[in-house]
Amino acid sequence: MFDYQGKKVVVIGGTSGINLAIALAFAGAGASVAVASRSQTKVDAALAQLQLANPNGHHLGVSLDVRDLEGLKAGFADIAAAFGHIDVLVSGAAGNFPASAANLSENGFKSVMDIDLLGSFQVLKQAYPLLRRPKGCIIQISAPQAFIAMPMQVHVCAAKAGVDMLTRTLAMEWGAEGLRINSIVPGPIAGTEGFNRLAPGEKLQAQVAQSVPLKRNGTGDDIANAALFLASDLASYITGAVVPVDGGWSLGGASSAMAALGALAAK
């Protein structure tokens, strides 16, 4: 459906879960893809999968931590040397764990803010000089916590709200240069580490599926397809958008489901 032959795509956090699905989708559509995360082992494994998805692509794996500015600069220097420019940046680094506000340490709150919010800003700042002008595209991976209050998630709610405001503000600042930036808000996505933490076990995950209007949990491909669309010319007039890809979960089911899970976690 989409042709990304000759395009250069960078996926931060692209070695597992949703972000790996996105990286593989772009590779399968013909792009050369660079993935980055903290674990060199995961980077190597993702790189092998990218090569299978697109043997003709020039793929790259970089080990970095979005909280470490100097390491981030070095990682983007490697990307610049390999790619020269970036057509699509997917900023997907995230941290999450359930914790009540009363029991959440200041360091725990700061850790999520540093990964999700500060890390996102630092990634976008380093990628900015490399993004193709015009037609460069940024996609941030947000979360429903950005606009839906959820128990046991005060740190994530605060961080992801900031991420979405980064999207909106930079869409205004960088739009005149031909750069577009949008956020994707995934719903409950089966098989991901984040979903497994918040709803551990098949029984709880089945209950979450029943809170989704489409009556199923999502897949990595659901999010990857949205990313392929938003980065394409079909979406050339879309910027500053926060796009739920959640089967309608954010229409009401998210609040009730997370409140129930929060009550269980608090016991």
C-alpha atoms as a PDB file:
ATOM      1  CA  MET A   1       0.000   0.000   0.000  1.00  0.00           C
ATOM      2  CA  PHE A   2       2.885   2.393   0.730  1.00  0.00           C
ATOM      3  CA  ASP A   3       6.175   2.848  -1.097  1.00  0.00           C
ATOM      4  CA  TYR A   4       9.117   4.087   0.964  1.00  0.00           C
ATOM      5  CA  GLN A   5      11.846   3.036  -1.454  1.00  0.00           C
ATOM      6  CA  GLY A   6      14.887   5.269  -0.960  1.00  0.00           C
ATOM      7  CA  LYS A   7      13.527   6.823   2.258  1.00  0.00           C
ATOM      8  CA  LYS A   8      15.543   7.027   5.491  1.00  0.00           C
ATOM      9  CA  VAL A   9      13.601   6.289   8.677  1.00  0.00           C
ATOM     10  CA  VAL A  10      14.810   6.491  12.285  1.00  0.00           C
ATOM     11  CA  VAL A  11      12.860   4.788  15.077  1.00  0.00           C
ATOM     12  CA  ILE A  12      13.958   5.655  18.606  1.00  0.00           C
ATOM     13  CA  GLY A  13      12.980   2.799  20.911  1.00  0.00           C
ATOM     14  CA  GLY A  14      12.590   0.675  17.793  1.00  0.00           C
ATOM     15  CA  THR A  15      13.846  -2.629  19.156  1.00  0.00           C
ATOM     16  CA  SER A  16      10.689  -3.973  20.802  1.00  0.00           C
ATOM     17  CA  GLY A  17       6.908  -3.751  20.953  1.00  0.00           C
ATOM     18  CA  ILE A  18       5.054  -1.056  19.036  1.00  0.00           C
ATOM     19  CA  ASN A  19       8.200   0.694  17.880  1.00  0.00           C
ATOM     20  CA  LEU A  20       9.725  -2.481  16.438  1.00  0.00           C
ATOM     21  CA  ALA A  21       6.470  -3.146  14.562  1.00  0.00           C
ATOM     22  CA  ILE A  22       6.711   0.363  13.104  1.00  0.00           C
ATOM     23  CA  ALA A  23      10.366  -0.103  12.134  1.00  0.00           C
ATOM     24  CA  LEU A  24       9.609  -3.410  10.405  1.00  0.00           C
ATOM     25  CA  ALA A  25       6.642  -1.898   8.568  1.00  0.00           C
ATOM     26  CA  PHE A  26       8.776   0.894   7.114  1.00  0.00           C
ATOM     27  CA  ALA A  27      11.481  -1.600   6.158  1.00  0.00           C
ATOM     28  CA  GLY A  28       8.873  -3.836   4.535  1.00  0.00           C
ATOM     29  CA  ALA A  29       7.696  -0.815   2.529  1.00  0.00           C
ATOM     30  CA  GLY A  30      11.217  -0.354   1.178  1.00  0.00           C
ATOM     31  CA  ALA A  31      12.822   2.119   3.576  1.00  0.00           C
ATOM     32  CA  SER A  32      16.282   2.007   5.082  1.00  0.00           C
ATOM     33  CA  VAL A  33      15.711   2.034   8.841  1.00  0.00           C
ATOM     34  CA  ALA A  34      17.845   2.951  11.847  1.00  0.00           C
ATOM     35  CA  VAL A  35      16.694   1.705  15.249  1.00  0.00           C
ATOM     36  CA  ALA A  36      17.996   2.820  18.624  1.00  0.00           C
ATOM     37  CA  SER A  37      17.550   1.704  22.220  1.00  0.00           C
ATOM     38  CA  ARG A  38      19.604   1.170  25.351  1.00  0.00           C
ATOM     39  CA  SER A  39      20.187  -2.569  24.934  1.00  0.00           C
ATOM     40  CA  GLN A  40      22.823  -3.553  22.378  1.00  0.00           C
ATOM     41  CA  THR A  41      21.430  -7.098  22.415  1.00  0.00           C
ATOM     42  CA  LYS A  42      17.977  -5.823  21.427  1.00  0.00           C
ATOM     43  CA  VAL A  43      19.513  -3.522  18.829  1.00  0.00           C
ATOM     44  CA  ASP A  44      21.327  -6.453  17.205  1.00  0.00           C
ATOM     45  CA  ALA A  45      18.181  -8.611  17.223  1.00  0.00           C
ATOM     46  CA  ALA A  46      16.077  -5.835  15.679  1.00  0.00           C
ATOM     47  CA  LEU A  47      18.714  -5.207  13.030  1.00  0.00           C
ATOM     48  CA  ALA A  48      18.546  -8.866  11.986  1.00  0.00           C
ATOM     49  CA  GLN A  49      14.757  -8.619  11.633  1.00  0.00           C
ATOM     50  CA  LEU A  50      15.043  -5.439   9.568  1.00  0.00           C
ATOM     51  CA  GLN A  51      17.452  -7.170   7.207  1.00  0.00           C
ATOM     52  CA  LEU A  52      14.933  -9.966   6.700  1.00  0.00           C
ATOM     53  CA  ALA A  53      12.110  -7.475   6.121  1.00  0.00           C
ATOM     54  CA  ASN A  54      14.095  -5.562   3.510  1.00  0.00           C
ATOM     55  CA  PRO A  55      17.364  -7.205   2.414  1.00  0.00           C
ATOM     56  CA  ASN A  56      18.042  -4.316   0.001  1.00  0.00           C
ATOM     57  CA  GLY A  57      17.865  -1.627   2.679  1.00  0.00           C
ATOM     58  CA  HIS A  58      20.781   0.053   4.408  1.00  0.00           C
ATOM     59  CA  HIS A  59      19.817  -0.548   8.028  1.00  0.00           C
ATOM     60  CA  LEU A  60      21.536   0.691  11.159  1.00  0.00           C
ATOM     61  CA  GLY A  61      21.387  -0.111  14.872  1.00  0.00           C
ATOM     62  CA  VAL A  62      22.518   2.330  17.559  1.00  0.00           C
ATOM     63  CA  SER A  63      22.707   1.802  21.306  1.00  0.00           C
ATOM     64  CA  LEU A  64      21.802   4.960  23.222  1.00  0.00           C
ATOM     65  CA  ASP A  65      19.836   6.334  26.162  1.00  0.00           C
ATOM     66  CA  VAL A  66      17.586   9.316  25.423  1.00  0.00           C
ATOM     67  CA  ARG A  67      18.395  10.721  28.879  1.00  0.00           C
ATOM     68  CA  ASP A  68      22.124  10.884  28.075  1.00  0.00           C
ATOM     69  CA  LEU A  69      22.595  13.958  25.893  1.00  0.00           C
ATOM     70  CA  GLU A  70      26.196  13.255  24.939  1.00  0.00           C
ATOM     71  CA  GLY A  71      25.378   9.658  24.055  1.00  0.00           C
ATOM     72  CA  LEU A  72      22.379  10.856  22.076  1.00  0.00           C
ATOM     73  CA  LYS A  73      24.554  13.295  20.140  1.00  0.00           C
ATOM     74  CA  ALA A  74      27.011  10.502  19.339  1.00  0.00           C
ATOM     75  CA  GLY A  75      24.177   8.241  18.197  1.00  0.00           C
ATOM     76  CA  PHE A  76      22.774  10.861  15.851  1.00  0.00           C
ATOM     77  CA  ALA A  77      26.273  11.503  14.523  1.00  0.00           C
ATOM     78  CA  ASP A  78      26.387   7.824  13.535  1.00  0.00           C
ATOM     79  CA  ILE A  79      22.960   8.135  11.927  1.00  0.00           C
ATOM     80  CA  ALA A  80      24.047  11.268  10.043  1.00  0.00           C
ATOM     81  CA  ALA A  81      27.169   9.504   8.782  1.00  0.00           C
ATOM     82  CA  ALA A  82      25.122   6.533   7.542  1.00  0.00           C
ATOM     83  CA  PHE A  83      22.016   8.305   6.212  1.00  0.00           C
ATOM     84  CA  GLY A  84      22.952  11.929   5.590  1.00  0.00           C
ATOM     85  CA  HIS A  85      19.382  13.029   6.157  1.00  0.00           C
ATOM     86  CA  ILE A  86      16.206  11.667   7.782  1.00  0.00           C
ATOM     87  CA  ASP A  87      12.861  11.489   5.977  1.00  0.00           C
ATOM     88  CA  VAL A  88      10.884  10.119   8.929  1.00  0.00           C
ATOM     89  CA  LEU A  89      11.654  10.199  12.655  1.00  0.00           C
ATOM     90  CA  VAL A  90       9.606   8.075  15.061  1.00  0.00           C
ATOM     91  CA  SER A  91      10.204   9.113  18.673  1.00  0.00           C
ATOM     92  CA  GLY A  92       8.977   6.257  20.826  1.00  0.00           C
ATOM     93  CA  ALA A  93      11.122   5.976  23.947  1.00  0.00           C
ATOM     94  CA  ALA A  94       8.944   5.508  27.029  1.00  0.00           C
ATOM     95  CA  GLY A  95       8.970   4.329  30.610  1.00  0.00           C
ATOM     96  CA  ASN A  96       6.057   3.139  32.712  1.00  0.00           C
ATOM     97  CA  PHE A  97       5.186   1.249  35.870  1.00  0.00           C
ATOM     98  CA  PRO A  98       2.043   1.332  38.028  1.00  0.00           C
ATOM     99  CA  ALA A  99       2.385   3.340  41.238  1.00  0.00           C
ATOM    100  CA  SER A 100       0.009   5.383  43.373  1.00  0.00           C
ATOM    101  CA  ALA A 101       0.942   9.032  43.783  1.00  0.00           C
ATOM    102  CA  ALA A 102       1.259   8.590  47.561  1.00  0.00           C
ATOM    103  CA  ASN A 103       3.792   5.785  47.124  1.00  0.00           C
ATOM    104  CA  LEU A 104       5.613   7.099  44.056  1.00  0.00           C
ATOM    105  CA  SER A 105       9.096   8.354  44.864  1.00  0.00           C
ATOM    106  CA  GLU A 106      10.355  11.650  43.521  1.00  0.00           C
ATOM    107  CA  ASN A 107      13.043   9.719  41.681  1.00  0.00           C
ATOM    108  CA  GLY A 108      10.439   7.425  40.101  1.00  0.00           C
ATOM    109  CA  PHE A 109       8.443  10.436  38.895  1.00  0.00           C
ATOM    110  CA  LYS A 110      11.597  12.083  37.567  1.00  0.00           C
ATOM    111  CA  SER A 111      12.723   8.923  35.796  1.00  0.00           C
ATOM    112  CA  VAL A 112       9.546   8.760  33.677  1.00  0.00           C
ATOM    113  CA  MET A 113       9.654  12.490  32.985  1.00  0.00           C
ATOM    114  CA  ASP A 114      13.296  12.205  31.917  1.00  0.00           C
ATOM    115  CA  ILE A 115      12.607   9.332  29.516  1.00  0.00           C
ATOM    116  CA  ASP A 116       9.260  10.411  28.079  1.00  0.00           C
ATOM    117  CA  LEU A 117       9.343  14.207  28.098  1.00  0.00           C
ATOM    118  CA  LEU A 118      12.943  15.369  28.345  1.00  0.00           C
ATOM    119  CA  GLY A 119      14.028  12.397  26.247  1.00  0.00           C
ATOM    120  CA  SER A 120      11.509  13.254  23.525  1.00  0.00           C
ATOM    121  CA  PHE A 121      12.662  16.860  23.418  1.00  0.00           C
ATOM    122  CA  GLN A 122      16.306  15.837  23.214  1.00  0.00           C
ATOM    123  CA  VAL A 123      15.589  13.340  20.423  1.00  0.00           C
ATOM    124  CA  LEU A 124      13.684  15.922  18.377  1.00  0.00           C
ATOM    125  CA  LYS A 125      16.366  18.555  18.980  1.00  0.00           C
ATOM    126  CA  GLN A 126      19.133  16.246  17.732  1.00  0.00           C
ATOM    127  CA  ALA A 127      17.112  15.056  14.748  1.00  0.00           C
ATOM    128  CA  TYR A 128      16.052  18.565  13.711  1.00  0.00           C
ATOM    129  CA  PRO A 129      19.149  19.436  11.599  1.00  0.00           C
ATOM    130  CA  LEU A 130      18.965  16.090   9.781  1.00  0.00           C
ATOM    131  CA  LEU A 131      15.293  16.164   8.814  1.00  0.00           C
ATOM    132  CA  ARG A 132      14.617  16.576   5.097  1.00  0.00           C
ATOM    133  CA  ARG A 133      13.158  19.945   4.137  1.00  0.00           C
ATOM    134  CA  PRO A 134      10.476  20.090   2.941  1.00  0.00           C
ATOM    135  CA  LYS A 135       8.514  16.898   3.574  1.00  0.00           C
ATOM    136  CA  GLY A 136      10.343  15.783   6.701  1.00  0.00           C
ATOM    137  CA  CYS A 137       8.016  13.976   9.089  1.00  0.00           C
ATOM    138  CA  ILE A 138       8.093  13.317  12.834  1.00  0.00           C
ATOM    139  CA  ILE A 139       5.791  10.869  14.600  1.00  0.00           C
ATOM    140  CA  GLN A 140       5.701  10.748  18.373  1.00  0.00           C
ATOM    141  CA  ILE A 141       4.300   7.722  20.178  1.00  0.00           C
ATOM    142  CA  SER A 142       2.133   9.067  22.964  1.00  0.00           C
ATOM    143  CA  ALA A 143      -0.397   7.370  25.265  1.00  0.00           C
ATOM    144  CA  PRO A 144      -4.016   7.898  26.341  1.00  0.00           C
ATOM    145  CA  GLN A 145      -2.665   9.009  29.735  1.00  0.00           C
ATOM    146  CA  ALA A 146      -1.828  12.284  27.999  1.00  0.00           C
ATOM    147  CA  PHE A 147      -5.477  13.330  28.078  1.00  0.00           C
ATOM    148  CA  ILE A 148      -7.243  10.744  30.274  1.00  0.00           C
ATOM    149  CA  ALA A 149      -6.551  10.802  34.008  1.00  0.00           C
ATOM    150  CA  MET A 150      -5.734   7.295  35.195  1.00  0.00           C
ATOM    151  CA  PRO A 151      -5.053   6.012  38.719  1.00  0.00           C
ATOM    152  CA  MET A 152      -1.564   4.641  39.382  1.00  0.00           C
ATOM    153  CA  GLN A 153      -0.299   6.660  36.399  1.00  0.00           C
ATOM    154  CA  VAL A 154       0.289  10.231  37.601  1.00  0.00           C
ATOM    155  CA  HIS A 155       3.892  10.195  36.337  1.00  0.00           C
ATOM    156  CA  VAL A 156       2.924   8.939  32.876  1.00  0.00           C
ATOM    157  CA  CYS A 157      -0.083  11.268  32.628  1.00  0.00           C
ATOM    158  CA  ALA A 158       2.143  14.277  33.307  1.00  0.00           C
ATOM    159  CA  ALA A 159       4.911  13.153  30.956  1.00  0.00           C
ATOM    160  CA  LYS A 160       2.720  12.197  27.996  1.00  0.00           C
ATOM    161  CA  ALA A 161       0.675  15.392  28.273  1.00  0.00           C
ATOM    162  CA  GLY A 162       3.963  17.191  27.816  1.00  0.00           C
ATOM    163  CA  VAL A 163       4.855  15.027  24.827  1.00  0.00           C
ATOM    164  CA  ASP A 164       1.616  15.952  23.057  1.00  0.00           C
ATOM    165  CA  MET A 165       2.227  19.642  23.719  1.00  0.00           C
ATOM    166  CA  LEU A 166       5.697  19.232  22.207  1.00  0.00           C
ATOM    167  CA  THR A 167       3.949  17.884  19.117  1.00  0.00           C
ATOM    168  CA  ARG A 168       1.547  20.792  18.872  1.00  0.00           C
ATOM    169  CA  THR A 169       4.106  23.496  19.599  1.00  0.00           C
ATOM    170  CA  LEU A 170       6.777  22.196  17.237  1.00  0.00           C
ATOM    171  CA  ALA A 171       4.176  21.733  14.503  1.00  0.00           C
ATOM    172  CA  MET A 172       3.710  25.501  14.710  1.00  0.00           C
ATOM    173  CA  GLU A 173       7.413  26.367  14.954  1.00  0.00           C
ATOM    174  CA  TRP A 174       8.706  24.001  12.261  1.00  0.00           C
ATOM    175  CA  GLY A 175       5.777  23.988   9.854  1.00  0.00           C
ATOM    176  CA  ALA A 176       7.136  26.850   7.745  1.00  0.00           C
ATOM    177  CA  GLU A 177      10.192  24.681   6.992  1.00  0.00           C
ATOM    178  CA  GLY A 178       7.992  21.937   5.585  1.00  0.00           C
ATOM    179  CA  LEU A 179       8.331  19.690   8.640  1.00  0.00           C
ATOM    180  CA  ARG A 180       5.255  17.870   9.929  1.00  0.00           C
ATOM    181  CA  ILE A 181       4.880  16.398  13.414  1.00  0.00           C
ATOM    182  CA  ASN A 182       2.020  14.319  14.796  1.00  0.00           C
ATOM    183  CA  SER A 183       1.374  12.070  17.790  1.00  0.00           C
ATOM    184  CA  ILE A 184      -0.063   8.571  17.633  1.00  0.00           C
ATOM    185  CA  VAL A 185      -1.925   7.499  20.775  1.00  0.00           C
ATOM    186  CA  PRO A 186      -2.056   3.699  20.935  1.00  0.00           C
ATOM    187  CA  GLY A 187      -4.769   1.950  22.889  1.00  0.00           C
ATOM    188  CA  PRO A 188      -4.212  -1.401  24.623  1.00  0.00           C
ATOM    189  CA  ILE A 189      -1.797  -3.242  22.328  1.00  0.00           C
ATOM    190  CA  ALA A 190      -1.443  -6.985  22.854  1.00  0.00           C
ATOM    191  CA  GLY A 191       2.034  -8.406  23.333  1.00  0.00           C
ATOM    192  CA  THR A 192       3.694  -5.187  24.442  1.00  0.00           C
ATOM    193  CA  GLU A 193       5.677  -4.790  27.633  1.00  0.00           C
ATOM    194  CA  GLY A 194       3.638  -1.781  28.740  1.00  0.00           C
ATOM    195  CA  PHE A 195       0.298  -3.566  28.372  1.00  0.00           C
ATOM    196  CA  ASN A 196       1.634  -6.654  30.120  1.00  0.00           C
ATOM    197  CA  ARG A 197       2.719  -4.499  33.067  1.00  0.00           C
ATOM    198  CA  LEU A 198      -0.574  -2.659  33.412  1.00  0.00           C
ATOM    199  CA  ALA A 199      -2.802  -5.682  32.755  1.00  0.00           C
ATOM    200  CA  PRO A 200      -0.808  -8.810  33.584  1.00  0.00           C
ATOM    201  CA  GLY A 201      -2.371 -12.078  32.519  1.00  0.00           C
ATOM    202  CA  GLU A 202      -4.825 -13.218  29.864  1.00  0.00           C
ATOM    203  CA  LYS A 203      -7.888 -12.739  32.083  1.00  0.00           C
ATOM    204  CA  LEU A 204      -7.211  -9.055  32.751  1.00  0.00           C
ATOM    205  CA  GLN A 205      -6.301  -8.419  29.132  1.00  0.00           C
ATOM    206  CA  ALA A 206      -9.545 -10.026  28.002  1.00  0.00           C
ATOM    207  CA  GLN A 207     -11.426  -7.726  30.376  1.00  0.00           C
ATOM    208  CA  VAL A 208      -9.648  -4.723  28.866  1.00  0.00           C
ATOM    209  CA  ALA A 209     -10.655  -5.906  25.377  1.00  0.00           C
ATOM    210  CA  GLN A 210     -14.295  -5.823  26.453  1.00  0.00           C
ATOM    211  CA  SER A 211     -13.875  -2.141  27.417  1.00  0.00           C
ATOM    212  CA  VAL A 212     -12.836  -1.316  23.840  1.00  0.00           C
ATOM    213  CA  PRO A 213     -15.758  -0.405  21.529  1.00  0.00           C
ATOM    214  CA  LEU A 214     -14.319  -2.667  18.799  1.00  0.00           C
ATOM    215  CA  LYS A 215     -14.075  -5.470  21.406  1.00  0.00           C
ATOM    216  CA  ARG A 216     -10.448  -6.369  20.819  1.00  0.00           C
ATOM    217  CA  ASN A 217      -7.031  -5.278  21.919  1.00  0.00           C
ATOM    218  CA  GLY A 218      -4.871  -3.781  19.225  1.00  0.00           C
ATOM    219  CA  THR A 219      -1.797  -5.133  17.484  1.00  0.00           C
ATOM    220  CA  GLY A 220       1.530  -3.629  16.575  1.00  0.00           C
ATOM    221  CA  ASP A 221       0.420  -3.647  12.942  1.00  0.00           C
ATOM    222  CA  ASP A 222      -2.516  -1.369  13.810  1.00  0.00           C
ATOM    223  CA  ILE A 223      -0.082   1.282  15.023  1.00  0.00           C
ATOM    224  CA  ALA A 224       2.448   0.650  12.258  1.00  0.00           C
ATOM    225  CA  ASN A 225      -0.217   1.155   9.573  1.00  0.00           C
ATOM    226  CA  ALA A 226      -1.157   4.492  11.120  1.00  0.00           C
ATOM    227  CA  ALA A 227       2.504   5.530  11.103  1.00  0.00           C
ATOM    228  CA  LEU A 228       2.888   4.564   7.444  1.00  0.00           C
ATOM    229  CA  PHE A 229      -0.117   6.727   6.600  1.00  0.00           C
ATOM    230  CA  LEU A 230       0.938   9.757   8.660  1.00  0.00           C
ATOM    231  CA  ALA A 231       4.409   9.746   7.105  1.00  0.00           C
ATOM    232  CA  SER A 232       3.043   9.473   3.564  1.00  0.00           C
ATOM    233  CA  ASP A 233       2.037  12.125   1.064  1.00  0.00           C
ATOM    234  CA  LEU A 234      -1.583  11.145   1.716  1.00  0.00           C
ATOM    235  CA  ALA A 235      -1.206  12.932   5.063  1.00  0.00           C
ATOM    236  CA  SER A 236       0.680  15.937   3.676  1.00  0.00           C
ATOM    237  CA  TYR A 237      -1.784  18.436   5.213  1.00  0.00           C
ATOM    238  CA  ILE A 238      -1.870  16.820   8.650  1.00  0.00           C
ATOM    239  CA  THR A 239       0.361  18.287  11.335  1.00  0.00           C
ATOM    240  CA  GLY A 240       0.011  19.011  15.036  1.00  0.00           C
ATOM    241  CA  ALA A 241      -2.552  16.206  15.326  1.00  0.00           C
ATOM    242  CA  VAL A 242      -2.908  13.810  18.242  1.00  0.00           C
ATOM    243  CA  VAL A 243      -4.381  10.687  16.681  1.00  0.00           C
ATOM    244  CA  PRO A 244      -5.876   7.914  18.851  1.00  0.00           C
ATOM    245  CA  VAL A 245      -5.411   4.482  17.295  1.00  0.00           C
ATOM    246  CA  ASP A 246      -7.272   2.597  19.978  1.00  0.00           C
ATOM    247  CA  GLY A 247     -10.459   0.999  18.691  1.00  0.00           C
ATOM    248  CA  GLY A 248     -12.401   3.798  20.376  1.00  0.00           C
ATOM    249  CA  TRP A 249     -10.979   3.013  23.826  1.00  0.00           C
ATOM    250  CA  SER A 250     -10.413   6.672  24.683  1.00  0.00           C
ATOM    251  CA  LEU A 251     -14.133   7.377  24.222  1.00  0.00           C
ATOM    252  CA  GLY A 252     -14.814   6.065  27.708  1.00  0.00           C
ATOM    253  CA  GLY A 253     -13.563   2.540  28.174  1.00  0.00           C
ATOM    254  CA  ALA A 254     -10.038   3.605  29.070  1.00  0.00           C
ATOM    255  CA  SER A 255     -11.096   5.421  32.219  1.00  0.00           C
ATOM    256  CA  SER A 256     -13.262   2.602  33.564  1.00  0.00           C
ATOM    257  CA  ALA A 257     -10.785  -0.132  32.657  1.00  0.00           C
ATOM    258  CA  MET A 258      -7.793   1.620  34.196  1.00  0.00           C
ATOM    259  CA  ALA A 259      -9.763   2.507  37.312  1.00  0.00           C
ATOM    260  CA  ALA A 260     -10.565  -1.189  37.774  1.00  0.00           C
ATOM    261  CA  LEU A 261      -6.958  -2.203  37.170  1.00  0.00           C
ATOM    262  CA  GLY A 262      -5.776   0.531  39.517  1.00  0.00           C
ATOM    263  CA  ALA A 263      -8.060  -0.771  42.258  1.00  0.00           C
ATOM    264  CA  LEU A 264      -6.622  -4.259  41.814  1.00  0.00           C
ATOM    265  CA  ALA A 265      -3.035  -2.989  41.854  1.00  0.00           C
ATOM    266  CA  ALA A 266      -3.687  -0.986  45.023  1.00  0.00           C
ATOM    267  CA  LYS A 267      -4.828  -4.066  46.985  1.00  0.00           C
END
